[in-house]
């Protein structure tokens, strides 16, 4: 149970160390840790980030110290802050998803697991699981068998029918789904006639994708009976309200943190003021009112 419905998205908040020096992270509903893999990863070569109109294109490539260090140092740090800790994991095989879930399950500091099956920057892992029905089912089932902790499946928008993928995740044992992850994109340096990103392709986030995220959240909320966590270009009160109205139970703030480190805590305060003004006993009263 989250203290409030505003989380910070994986990969946009680090693991809380730096941000805890700037804001009162105890106001957050939870911190989703930077994505972790079974072994340490150096990530992609630079350039790895480029700004786009109303958005950001990134190809970080899951740079992280690996699951061992994350569970030993990062997750306990978040718990000491008094904030729910959600670990985000990405595997390159069904067995790896099972192992990552089992290791996370054994860590007392981890409150929930977000299964990243949709990262567009890792050709040998995430993209295949997030877009292939059988692989998605197998990965979620394997993780479900390996953990008793709440299991959130982070869905890829780079599919034909995201509602169907959400139903598959639910049937395989997901306790919730989160969406959307980044959309695939490319930026060309016209002088060099080459992609700006060394990886060529990156994941697009920020306000530019919000209408797509709202639409997909609406589709998924109608298709499943488990909680839906919405994300994609959320910063302001109005942004978040759109997601709640179409059926989200919680939201994640991501790219906005880069240009406004207080975005998530400001959103918490704005939602509380809105609920009081509208005489809502809970934001649940907004959910799915469209």
C-alpha atoms as a PDB file:
ATOM      1  CA  UNK A   1       0.000   0.000   0.000  1.00  0.00           C
ATOM      2  CA  UNK A   2       1.496   3.304  -1.105  1.00  0.00           C
ATOM      3  CA  UNK A   3       1.262   6.392   1.126  1.00  0.00           C
ATOM      4  CA  UNK A   4       0.174   8.395  -1.932  1.00  0.00           C
ATOM      5  CA  UNK A   5      -0.164   7.722  -5.682  1.00  0.00           C
ATOM      6  CA  UNK A   6       2.872   9.671  -6.923  1.00  0.00           C
ATOM      7  CA  UNK A   7       6.009   7.663  -7.704  1.00  0.00           C
ATOM      8  CA  UNK A   8       9.226   8.626  -9.459  1.00  0.00           C
ATOM      9  CA  UNK A   9      10.012   6.639 -12.576  1.00  0.00           C
ATOM     10  CA  UNK A  10      12.964   4.321 -13.003  1.00  0.00           C
ATOM     11  CA  UNK A  11      16.025   5.868 -14.589  1.00  0.00           C
ATOM     12  CA  UNK A  12      15.027   9.463 -13.866  1.00  0.00           C
ATOM     13  CA  UNK A  13      15.699   9.712 -10.133  1.00  0.00           C
ATOM     14  CA  UNK A  14      18.843   7.651  -9.741  1.00  0.00           C
ATOM     15  CA  UNK A  15      18.487   5.649  -6.543  1.00  0.00           C
ATOM     16  CA  UNK A  16      17.531   8.622  -4.421  1.00  0.00           C
ATOM     17  CA  UNK A  17      20.958   9.548  -3.080  1.00  0.00           C
ATOM     18  CA  UNK A  18      21.437  12.860  -4.879  1.00  0.00           C
ATOM     19  CA  UNK A  19      17.773  13.815  -4.900  1.00  0.00           C
ATOM     20  CA  UNK A  20      17.419  13.278  -1.154  1.00  0.00           C
ATOM     21  CA  UNK A  21      19.777  16.237  -0.704  1.00  0.00           C
ATOM     22  CA  UNK A  22      17.488  18.489  -2.762  1.00  0.00           C
ATOM     23  CA  UNK A  23      13.951  17.515  -1.769  1.00  0.00           C
ATOM     24  CA  UNK A  24      12.049  15.807   1.029  1.00  0.00           C
ATOM     25  CA  UNK A  25      11.692  12.397  -0.598  1.00  0.00           C
ATOM     26  CA  UNK A  26       9.492  11.238   2.289  1.00  0.00           C
ATOM     27  CA  UNK A  27       6.651  13.080   0.559  1.00  0.00           C
ATOM     28  CA  UNK A  28       6.763  10.621  -2.345  1.00  0.00           C
ATOM     29  CA  UNK A  29       4.525   7.616  -2.731  1.00  0.00           C
ATOM     30  CA  UNK A  30       7.548   5.532  -3.675  1.00  0.00           C
ATOM     31  CA  UNK A  31      10.873   5.467  -5.486  1.00  0.00           C
ATOM     32  CA  UNK A  32      11.395   3.158  -8.446  1.00  0.00           C
ATOM     33  CA  UNK A  33      15.112   2.433  -8.525  1.00  0.00           C
ATOM     34  CA  UNK A  34      17.231   2.874 -11.623  1.00  0.00           C
ATOM     35  CA  UNK A  35      16.899  -0.238 -13.769  1.00  0.00           C
ATOM     36  CA  UNK A  36      19.123  -3.108 -12.739  1.00  0.00           C
ATOM     37  CA  UNK A  37      20.359  -6.253 -14.440  1.00  0.00           C
ATOM     38  CA  UNK A  38      21.882  -9.487 -13.217  1.00  0.00           C
ATOM     39  CA  UNK A  39      25.429  -8.319 -13.936  1.00  0.00           C
ATOM     40  CA  UNK A  40      26.888  -4.789 -14.056  1.00  0.00           C
ATOM     41  CA  UNK A  41      26.460  -2.946 -17.327  1.00  0.00           C
ATOM     42  CA  UNK A  42      28.447  -0.040 -18.761  1.00  0.00           C
ATOM     43  CA  UNK A  43      25.583   0.984 -21.003  1.00  0.00           C
ATOM     44  CA  UNK A  44      25.809   2.358 -24.516  1.00  0.00           C
ATOM     45  CA  UNK A  45      28.578   4.567 -25.870  1.00  0.00           C
ATOM     46  CA  UNK A  46      27.962   8.333 -25.959  1.00  0.00           C
ATOM     47  CA  UNK A  47      26.171  10.323 -27.202  1.00  0.00           C
ATOM     48  CA  UNK A  48      23.343   8.800 -25.188  1.00  0.00           C
ATOM     49  CA  UNK A  49      20.873  11.674 -24.716  1.00  0.00           C
ATOM     50  CA  UNK A  50      19.463  14.331 -27.026  1.00  0.00           C
ATOM     51  CA  UNK A  51      16.680  16.842 -26.451  1.00  0.00           C
ATOM     52  CA  UNK A  52      13.739  16.890 -28.855  1.00  0.00           C
ATOM     53  CA  UNK A  53      10.724  19.210 -29.088  1.00  0.00           C
ATOM     54  CA  UNK A  54       8.829  18.724 -25.808  1.00  0.00           C
ATOM     55  CA  UNK A  55      10.802  15.597 -25.056  1.00  0.00           C
ATOM     56  CA  UNK A  56      14.002  13.675 -24.522  1.00  0.00           C
ATOM     57  CA  UNK A  57      15.507  10.833 -26.527  1.00  0.00           C
ATOM     58  CA  UNK A  58      17.790   8.546 -24.551  1.00  0.00           C
ATOM     59  CA  UNK A  59      19.827   5.432 -25.192  1.00  0.00           C
ATOM     60  CA  UNK A  60      21.550   4.923 -21.854  1.00  0.00           C
ATOM     61  CA  UNK A  61      21.541   1.165 -22.280  1.00  0.00           C
ATOM     62  CA  UNK A  62      20.766   0.201 -18.701  1.00  0.00           C
ATOM     63  CA  UNK A  63      24.068   1.311 -17.191  1.00  0.00           C
ATOM     64  CA  UNK A  64      23.987   0.012 -13.618  1.00  0.00           C
ATOM     65  CA  UNK A  65      26.168  -1.714 -10.994  1.00  0.00           C
ATOM     66  CA  UNK A  66      24.219  -4.976 -11.113  1.00  0.00           C
ATOM     67  CA  UNK A  67      21.652  -6.604  -8.827  1.00  0.00           C
ATOM     68  CA  UNK A  68      24.092  -7.517  -6.063  1.00  0.00           C
ATOM     69  CA  UNK A  69      25.184  -3.938  -5.349  1.00  0.00           C
ATOM     70  CA  UNK A  70      21.675  -2.585  -5.878  1.00  0.00           C
ATOM     71  CA  UNK A  71      20.248  -4.906  -3.233  1.00  0.00           C
ATOM     72  CA  UNK A  72      23.173  -4.439  -0.866  1.00  0.00           C
ATOM     73  CA  UNK A  73      23.458  -0.635  -1.023  1.00  0.00           C
ATOM     74  CA  UNK A  74      20.779   1.122  -3.086  1.00  0.00           C
ATOM     75  CA  UNK A  75      17.556  -0.451  -1.869  1.00  0.00           C
ATOM     76  CA  UNK A  76      18.459  -0.213   1.869  1.00  0.00           C
ATOM     77  CA  UNK A  77      19.303   3.475   1.388  1.00  0.00           C
ATOM     78  CA  UNK A  78      15.801   4.160   0.074  1.00  0.00           C
ATOM     79  CA  UNK A  79      14.218   2.213   2.924  1.00  0.00           C
ATOM     80  CA  UNK A  80      16.191   4.237   5.450  1.00  0.00           C
ATOM     81  CA  UNK A  81      14.620   7.335   3.931  1.00  0.00           C
ATOM     82  CA  UNK A  82      11.225   5.935   4.898  1.00  0.00           C
ATOM     83  CA  UNK A  83       9.957   5.639   1.318  1.00  0.00           C
ATOM     84  CA  UNK A  84       8.553   2.506  -0.386  1.00  0.00           C
ATOM     85  CA  UNK A  85      11.274   0.964  -2.530  1.00  0.00           C
ATOM     86  CA  UNK A  86      10.414  -0.577  -5.901  1.00  0.00           C
ATOM     87  CA  UNK A  87      13.225  -2.295  -7.764  1.00  0.00           C
ATOM     88  CA  UNK A  88      13.156  -2.249 -11.564  1.00  0.00           C
ATOM     89  CA  UNK A  89      14.737  -5.317 -13.163  1.00  0.00           C
ATOM     90  CA  UNK A  90      15.524  -6.302 -16.731  1.00  0.00           C
ATOM     91  CA  UNK A  91      16.642  -9.734 -17.892  1.00  0.00           C
ATOM     92  CA  UNK A  92      17.996 -11.206 -21.093  1.00  0.00           C
ATOM     93  CA  UNK A  93      16.270 -14.582 -20.656  1.00  0.00           C
ATOM     94  CA  UNK A  94      13.326 -16.085 -18.822  1.00  0.00           C
ATOM     95  CA  UNK A  95      15.737 -17.664 -16.346  1.00  0.00           C
ATOM     96  CA  UNK A  96      17.311 -14.265 -15.652  1.00  0.00           C
ATOM     97  CA  UNK A  97      13.925 -12.729 -14.881  1.00  0.00           C
ATOM     98  CA  UNK A  98      13.289 -15.558 -12.443  1.00  0.00           C
ATOM     99  CA  UNK A  99      16.695 -15.097 -10.804  1.00  0.00           C
ATOM    100  CA  UNK A 100      16.298 -11.315 -10.539  1.00  0.00           C
ATOM    101  CA  UNK A 101      12.877 -11.753  -8.951  1.00  0.00           C
ATOM    102  CA  UNK A 102      14.159 -14.367  -6.495  1.00  0.00           C
ATOM    103  CA  UNK A 103      17.087 -12.210  -5.418  1.00  0.00           C
ATOM    104  CA  UNK A 104      14.799  -9.194  -4.987  1.00  0.00           C
ATOM    105  CA  UNK A 105      12.318 -11.297  -3.046  1.00  0.00           C
ATOM    106  CA  UNK A 106      15.009 -12.166  -0.509  1.00  0.00           C
ATOM    107  CA  UNK A 107      15.848  -8.500   0.127  1.00  0.00           C
ATOM    108  CA  UNK A 108      13.861  -6.989   2.997  1.00  0.00           C
ATOM    109  CA  UNK A 109      14.444  -3.469   1.682  1.00  0.00           C
ATOM    110  CA  UNK A 110      12.518  -4.168  -1.535  1.00  0.00           C
ATOM    111  CA  UNK A 111       8.773  -3.560  -1.268  1.00  0.00           C
ATOM    112  CA  UNK A 112       7.816  -4.411  -4.850  1.00  0.00           C
ATOM    113  CA  UNK A 113       9.330  -5.427  -8.173  1.00  0.00           C
ATOM    114  CA  UNK A 114       8.802  -3.650 -11.476  1.00  0.00           C
ATOM    115  CA  UNK A 115       9.563  -6.033 -14.313  1.00  0.00           C
ATOM    116  CA  UNK A 116      11.026  -4.094 -17.234  1.00  0.00           C
ATOM    117  CA  UNK A 117      10.081  -6.078 -20.313  1.00  0.00           C
ATOM    118  CA  UNK A 118      10.040  -3.062 -22.576  1.00  0.00           C
ATOM    119  CA  UNK A 119      13.397  -1.296 -22.619  1.00  0.00           C
ATOM    120  CA  UNK A 120      14.027  -0.284 -26.258  1.00  0.00           C
ATOM    121  CA  UNK A 121      17.787   0.067 -25.849  1.00  0.00           C
ATOM    122  CA  UNK A 122      18.830  -3.512 -25.147  1.00  0.00           C
ATOM    123  CA  UNK A 123      18.507  -5.507 -28.320  1.00  0.00           C
ATOM    124  CA  UNK A 124      19.270  -8.835 -26.686  1.00  0.00           C
ATOM    125  CA  UNK A 125      16.613  -8.555 -23.960  1.00  0.00           C
ATOM    126  CA  UNK A 126      13.816  -6.160 -23.147  1.00  0.00           C
ATOM    127  CA  UNK A 127      12.375  -5.319 -26.543  1.00  0.00           C
ATOM    128  CA  UNK A 128      11.730  -8.972 -27.432  1.00  0.00           C
ATOM    129  CA  UNK A 129       9.929  -9.728 -24.173  1.00  0.00           C
ATOM    130  CA  UNK A 130       7.779  -6.620 -24.307  1.00  0.00           C
ATOM    131  CA  UNK A 131       6.553  -7.197 -27.837  1.00  0.00           C
ATOM    132  CA  UNK A 132       6.240 -10.984 -28.005  1.00  0.00           C
ATOM    133  CA  UNK A 133       3.193 -12.525 -26.347  1.00  0.00           C
ATOM    134  CA  UNK A 134       4.758 -15.884 -25.539  1.00  0.00           C
ATOM    135  CA  UNK A 135       7.979 -14.399 -24.185  1.00  0.00           C
ATOM    136  CA  UNK A 136       6.060 -11.881 -22.094  1.00  0.00           C
ATOM    137  CA  UNK A 137       3.905 -14.636 -20.614  1.00  0.00           C
ATOM    138  CA  UNK A 138       6.923 -16.799 -19.832  1.00  0.00           C
ATOM    139  CA  UNK A 139       8.907 -13.971 -18.231  1.00  0.00           C
ATOM    140  CA  UNK A 140       6.046 -12.854 -16.003  1.00  0.00           C
ATOM    141  CA  UNK A 141       5.211 -16.420 -14.981  1.00  0.00           C
ATOM    142  CA  UNK A 142       8.832 -17.112 -14.112  1.00  0.00           C
ATOM    143  CA  UNK A 143       9.087 -13.969 -12.013  1.00  0.00           C
ATOM    144  CA  UNK A 144       5.761 -14.693 -10.344  1.00  0.00           C
ATOM    145  CA  UNK A 145       6.897 -18.128  -9.255  1.00  0.00           C
ATOM    146  CA  UNK A 146      10.091 -16.625  -7.830  1.00  0.00           C
ATOM    147  CA  UNK A 147       8.565 -13.928  -5.611  1.00  0.00           C
ATOM    148  CA  UNK A 148       5.758 -13.220  -3.184  1.00  0.00           C
ATOM    149  CA  UNK A 149       6.303  -9.483  -3.407  1.00  0.00           C
ATOM    150  CA  UNK A 150       3.962  -7.306  -5.485  1.00  0.00           C
ATOM    151  CA  UNK A 151       4.896  -7.689  -9.145  1.00  0.00           C
ATOM    152  CA  UNK A 152       4.437  -4.761 -11.534  1.00  0.00           C
ATOM    153  CA  UNK A 153       4.956  -5.322 -15.257  1.00  0.00           C
ATOM    154  CA  UNK A 154       6.154  -2.246 -17.165  1.00  0.00           C
ATOM    155  CA  UNK A 155       4.626  -2.463 -20.619  1.00  0.00           C
ATOM    156  CA  UNK A 156       6.087  -1.392 -23.944  1.00  0.00           C
ATOM    157  CA  UNK A 157       4.072   1.012 -26.123  1.00  0.00           C
ATOM    158  CA  UNK A 158       5.850  -0.325 -29.203  1.00  0.00           C
ATOM    159  CA  UNK A 159       3.186  -2.948 -29.858  1.00  0.00           C
ATOM    160  CA  UNK A 160       0.027  -3.239 -31.932  1.00  0.00           C
ATOM    161  CA  UNK A 161      -2.348  -3.889 -29.012  1.00  0.00           C
ATOM    162  CA  UNK A 162      -1.083  -2.871 -25.571  1.00  0.00           C
ATOM    163  CA  UNK A 163      -4.364  -3.906 -23.930  1.00  0.00           C
ATOM    164  CA  UNK A 164      -3.799  -7.485 -25.064  1.00  0.00           C
ATOM    165  CA  UNK A 165      -0.280  -7.452 -23.660  1.00  0.00           C
ATOM    166  CA  UNK A 166      -1.657  -6.153 -20.364  1.00  0.00           C
ATOM    167  CA  UNK A 167      -4.172  -8.998 -20.207  1.00  0.00           C
ATOM    168  CA  UNK A 168      -1.364 -11.493 -20.847  1.00  0.00           C
ATOM    169  CA  UNK A 169       0.678  -9.992 -18.000  1.00  0.00           C
ATOM    170  CA  UNK A 170      -2.335 -10.105 -15.686  1.00  0.00           C
ATOM    171  CA  UNK A 171      -3.103 -13.728 -16.532  1.00  0.00           C
ATOM    172  CA  UNK A 172       0.556 -14.658 -15.959  1.00  0.00           C
ATOM    173  CA  UNK A 173       0.463 -13.287 -12.418  1.00  0.00           C
ATOM    174  CA  UNK A 174       1.144  -9.539 -12.486  1.00  0.00           C
ATOM    175  CA  UNK A 175      -0.288  -7.609  -9.537  1.00  0.00           C
ATOM    176  CA  UNK A 176      -0.214  -4.345 -11.517  1.00  0.00           C
ATOM    177  CA  UNK A 177       0.974  -2.923 -14.819  1.00  0.00           C
ATOM    178  CA  UNK A 178       2.824   0.338 -15.461  1.00  0.00           C
ATOM    179  CA  UNK A 179       2.799   2.202 -18.759  1.00  0.00           C
ATOM    180  CA  UNK A 180       4.033   3.582 -20.945  1.00  0.00           C
ATOM    181  CA  UNK A 181       7.720   3.061 -21.322  1.00  0.00           C
ATOM    182  CA  UNK A 182       9.471   5.147 -23.962  1.00  0.00           C
ATOM    183  CA  UNK A 183       8.569   5.155 -27.644  1.00  0.00           C
ATOM    184  CA  UNK A 184      11.228   4.352 -30.202  1.00  0.00           C
ATOM    185  CA  UNK A 185      12.677   7.358 -31.994  1.00  0.00           C
ATOM    186  CA  UNK A 186      15.641   8.751 -33.904  1.00  0.00           C
ATOM    187  CA  UNK A 187      17.262  12.169 -34.341  1.00  0.00           C
ATOM    188  CA  UNK A 188      19.523  12.903 -37.309  1.00  0.00           C
ATOM    189  CA  UNK A 189      22.429  15.339 -37.339  1.00  0.00           C
ATOM    190  CA  UNK A 190      21.800  16.828 -40.778  1.00  0.00           C
ATOM    191  CA  UNK A 191      25.340  18.187 -41.123  1.00  0.00           C
ATOM    192  CA  UNK A 192      26.927  14.801 -40.483  1.00  0.00           C
ATOM    193  CA  UNK A 193      23.978  12.893 -41.989  1.00  0.00           C
ATOM    194  CA  UNK A 194      24.204  10.461 -39.113  1.00  0.00           C
ATOM    195  CA  UNK A 195      22.066   9.713 -36.065  1.00  0.00           C
ATOM    196  CA  UNK A 196      22.903  11.908 -33.062  1.00  0.00           C
ATOM    197  CA  UNK A 197      22.782   8.935 -30.686  1.00  0.00           C
ATOM    198  CA  UNK A 198      25.626   6.444 -30.927  1.00  0.00           C
ATOM    199  CA  UNK A 199      23.012   3.710 -30.532  1.00  0.00           C
ATOM    200  CA  UNK A 200      21.148   5.255 -33.502  1.00  0.00           C
ATOM    201  CA  UNK A 201      17.766   4.599 -31.876  1.00  0.00           C
ATOM    202  CA  UNK A 202      16.574   5.788 -28.473  1.00  0.00           C
ATOM    203  CA  UNK A 203      13.534   5.981 -26.256  1.00  0.00           C
ATOM    204  CA  UNK A 204      11.368   9.105 -26.435  1.00  0.00           C
ATOM    205  CA  UNK A 205       9.910  10.483 -23.180  1.00  0.00           C
ATOM    206  CA  UNK A 206       8.465  13.750 -21.918  1.00  0.00           C
ATOM    207  CA  UNK A 207       5.376  15.857 -22.669  1.00  0.00           C
ATOM    208  CA  UNK A 208       5.501  14.921 -26.376  1.00  0.00           C
ATOM    209  CA  UNK A 209       4.289  11.398 -25.598  1.00  0.00           C
ATOM    210  CA  UNK A 210       1.638  12.281 -22.988  1.00  0.00           C
ATOM    211  CA  UNK A 211      -1.420  12.039 -25.277  1.00  0.00           C
ATOM    212  CA  UNK A 212      -0.292   8.577 -26.377  1.00  0.00           C
ATOM    213  CA  UNK A 213       0.304   7.548 -22.767  1.00  0.00           C
ATOM    214  CA  UNK A 214      -3.144   8.771 -21.703  1.00  0.00           C
ATOM    215  CA  UNK A 215      -4.771   6.871 -24.553  1.00  0.00           C
ATOM    216  CA  UNK A 216      -2.918   3.643 -23.800  1.00  0.00           C
ATOM    217  CA  UNK A 217      -3.632   3.942 -20.071  1.00  0.00           C
ATOM    218  CA  UNK A 218      -7.334   4.283 -20.901  1.00  0.00           C
ATOM    219  CA  UNK A 219      -7.216   1.196 -23.142  1.00  0.00           C
ATOM    220  CA  UNK A 220      -5.403  -0.911 -20.556  1.00  0.00           C
ATOM    221  CA  UNK A 221      -7.539   0.221 -17.606  1.00  0.00           C
ATOM    222  CA  UNK A 222     -10.602  -1.047 -19.463  1.00  0.00           C
ATOM    223  CA  UNK A 223      -8.940  -4.373 -20.242  1.00  0.00           C
ATOM    224  CA  UNK A 224      -7.594  -5.528 -16.861  1.00  0.00           C
ATOM    225  CA  UNK A 225      -8.789  -5.842 -13.293  1.00  0.00           C
ATOM    226  CA  UNK A 226      -5.440  -5.058 -11.667  1.00  0.00           C
ATOM    227  CA  UNK A 227      -4.129  -1.547 -10.834  1.00  0.00           C
ATOM    228  CA  UNK A 228      -2.690   0.524 -13.644  1.00  0.00           C
ATOM    229  CA  UNK A 229       0.197   2.928 -13.023  1.00  0.00           C
ATOM    230  CA  UNK A 230       0.334   5.661 -15.652  1.00  0.00           C
ATOM    231  CA  UNK A 231       3.391   7.543 -16.868  1.00  0.00           C
ATOM    232  CA  UNK A 232       4.498   9.598 -19.826  1.00  0.00           C
ATOM    233  CA  UNK A 233       5.083  13.345 -19.729  1.00  0.00           C
ATOM    234  CA  UNK A 234       3.557  13.929 -16.295  1.00  0.00           C
ATOM    235  CA  UNK A 235       4.523  17.056 -14.363  1.00  0.00           C
ATOM    236  CA  UNK A 236       1.509  19.213 -13.507  1.00  0.00           C
ATOM    237  CA  UNK A 237      -1.732  18.586 -11.658  1.00  0.00           C
ATOM    238  CA  UNK A 238      -3.665  18.605 -14.925  1.00  0.00           C
ATOM    239  CA  UNK A 239      -1.279  16.069 -16.429  1.00  0.00           C
ATOM    240  CA  UNK A 240      -1.797  13.630 -13.558  1.00  0.00           C
ATOM    241  CA  UNK A 241      -5.558  14.146 -13.411  1.00  0.00           C
ATOM    242  CA  UNK A 242      -5.873  12.996 -17.007  1.00  0.00           C
ATOM    243  CA  UNK A 243      -4.346   9.651 -16.072  1.00  0.00           C
ATOM    244  CA  UNK A 244      -6.536   9.195 -12.997  1.00  0.00           C
ATOM    245  CA  UNK A 245      -9.677  10.075 -14.924  1.00  0.00           C
ATOM    246  CA  UNK A 246      -8.968   7.422 -17.574  1.00  0.00           C
ATOM    247  CA  UNK A 247      -8.372   4.749 -14.938  1.00  0.00           C
ATOM    248  CA  UNK A 248      -4.888   4.937 -13.421  1.00  0.00           C
ATOM    249  CA  UNK A 249      -4.482   4.107  -9.737  1.00  0.00           C
ATOM    250  CA  UNK A 250      -1.099   5.848  -9.484  1.00  0.00           C
ATOM    251  CA  UNK A 251       1.330   7.800 -11.644  1.00  0.00           C
ATOM    252  CA  UNK A 252       5.071   8.026 -12.150  1.00  0.00           C
ATOM    253  CA  UNK A 253       6.951  11.278 -12.764  1.00  0.00           C
ATOM    254  CA  UNK A 254       9.999  10.862 -14.982  1.00  0.00           C
ATOM    255  CA  UNK A 255      11.529  13.280 -17.466  1.00  0.00           C
ATOM    256  CA  UNK A 256      10.106  16.321 -15.651  1.00  0.00           C
ATOM    257  CA  UNK A 257      12.555  15.633 -12.805  1.00  0.00           C
ATOM    258  CA  UNK A 258      15.475  16.533 -15.073  1.00  0.00           C
ATOM    259  CA  UNK A 259      14.375  20.143 -15.463  1.00  0.00           C
ATOM    260  CA  UNK A 260      12.433  20.451 -12.205  1.00  0.00           C
ATOM    261  CA  UNK A 261      13.828  18.260  -9.403  1.00  0.00           C
ATOM    262  CA  UNK A 262      10.801  19.166  -7.255  1.00  0.00           C
ATOM    263  CA  UNK A 263       8.252  18.061  -9.855  1.00  0.00           C
ATOM    264  CA  UNK A 264       7.079  14.930  -8.034  1.00  0.00           C
ATOM    265  CA  UNK A 265       6.769  16.471  -4.555  1.00  0.00           C
ATOM    266  CA  UNK A 266       5.037  19.517  -6.030  1.00  0.00           C
ATOM    267  CA  UNK A 267       2.573  17.163  -7.699  1.00  0.00           C
ATOM    268  CA  UNK A 268       1.858  15.444  -4.375  1.00  0.00           C
ATOM    269  CA  UNK A 269       1.022  18.801  -2.803  1.00  0.00           C
ATOM    270  CA  UNK A 270      -1.112  19.846  -5.780  1.00  0.00           C
ATOM    271  CA  UNK A 271      -3.116  16.621  -5.675  1.00  0.00           C
ATOM    272  CA  UNK A 272      -3.782  17.026  -1.962  1.00  0.00           C
ATOM    273  CA  UNK A 273      -4.969  20.598  -2.485  1.00  0.00           C
ATOM    274  CA  UNK A 274      -7.166  19.494  -5.385  1.00  0.00           C
ATOM    275  CA  UNK A 275      -8.752  16.686  -3.366  1.00  0.00           C
ATOM    276  CA  UNK A 276      -9.532  19.110  -0.560  1.00  0.00           C
ATOM    277  CA  UNK A 277     -10.931  21.704  -2.932  1.00  0.00           C
ATOM    278  CA  UNK A 278     -13.101  19.119  -4.705  1.00  0.00           C
ATOM    279  CA  UNK A 279     -14.112  17.528  -1.385  1.00  0.00           C
ATOM    280  CA  UNK A 280     -12.816  14.146  -2.467  1.00  0.00           C
ATOM    281  CA  UNK A 281     -12.288  11.607   0.277  1.00  0.00           C
ATOM    282  CA  UNK A 282      -9.780   9.855  -1.979  1.00  0.00           C
ATOM    283  CA  UNK A 283      -8.425  10.164  -5.494  1.00  0.00           C
ATOM    284  CA  UNK A 284     -10.072   6.796  -6.038  1.00  0.00           C
ATOM    285  CA  UNK A 285     -13.240   8.781  -6.614  1.00  0.00           C
ATOM    286  CA  UNK A 286     -11.651  10.165  -9.788  1.00  0.00           C
ATOM    287  CA  UNK A 287     -10.515   6.852 -11.180  1.00  0.00           C
ATOM    288  CA  UNK A 288     -12.148   5.877 -14.425  1.00  0.00           C
ATOM    289  CA  UNK A 289     -14.724   8.676 -14.322  1.00  0.00           C
ATOM    290  CA  UNK A 290     -14.417   9.110 -18.088  1.00  0.00           C
END
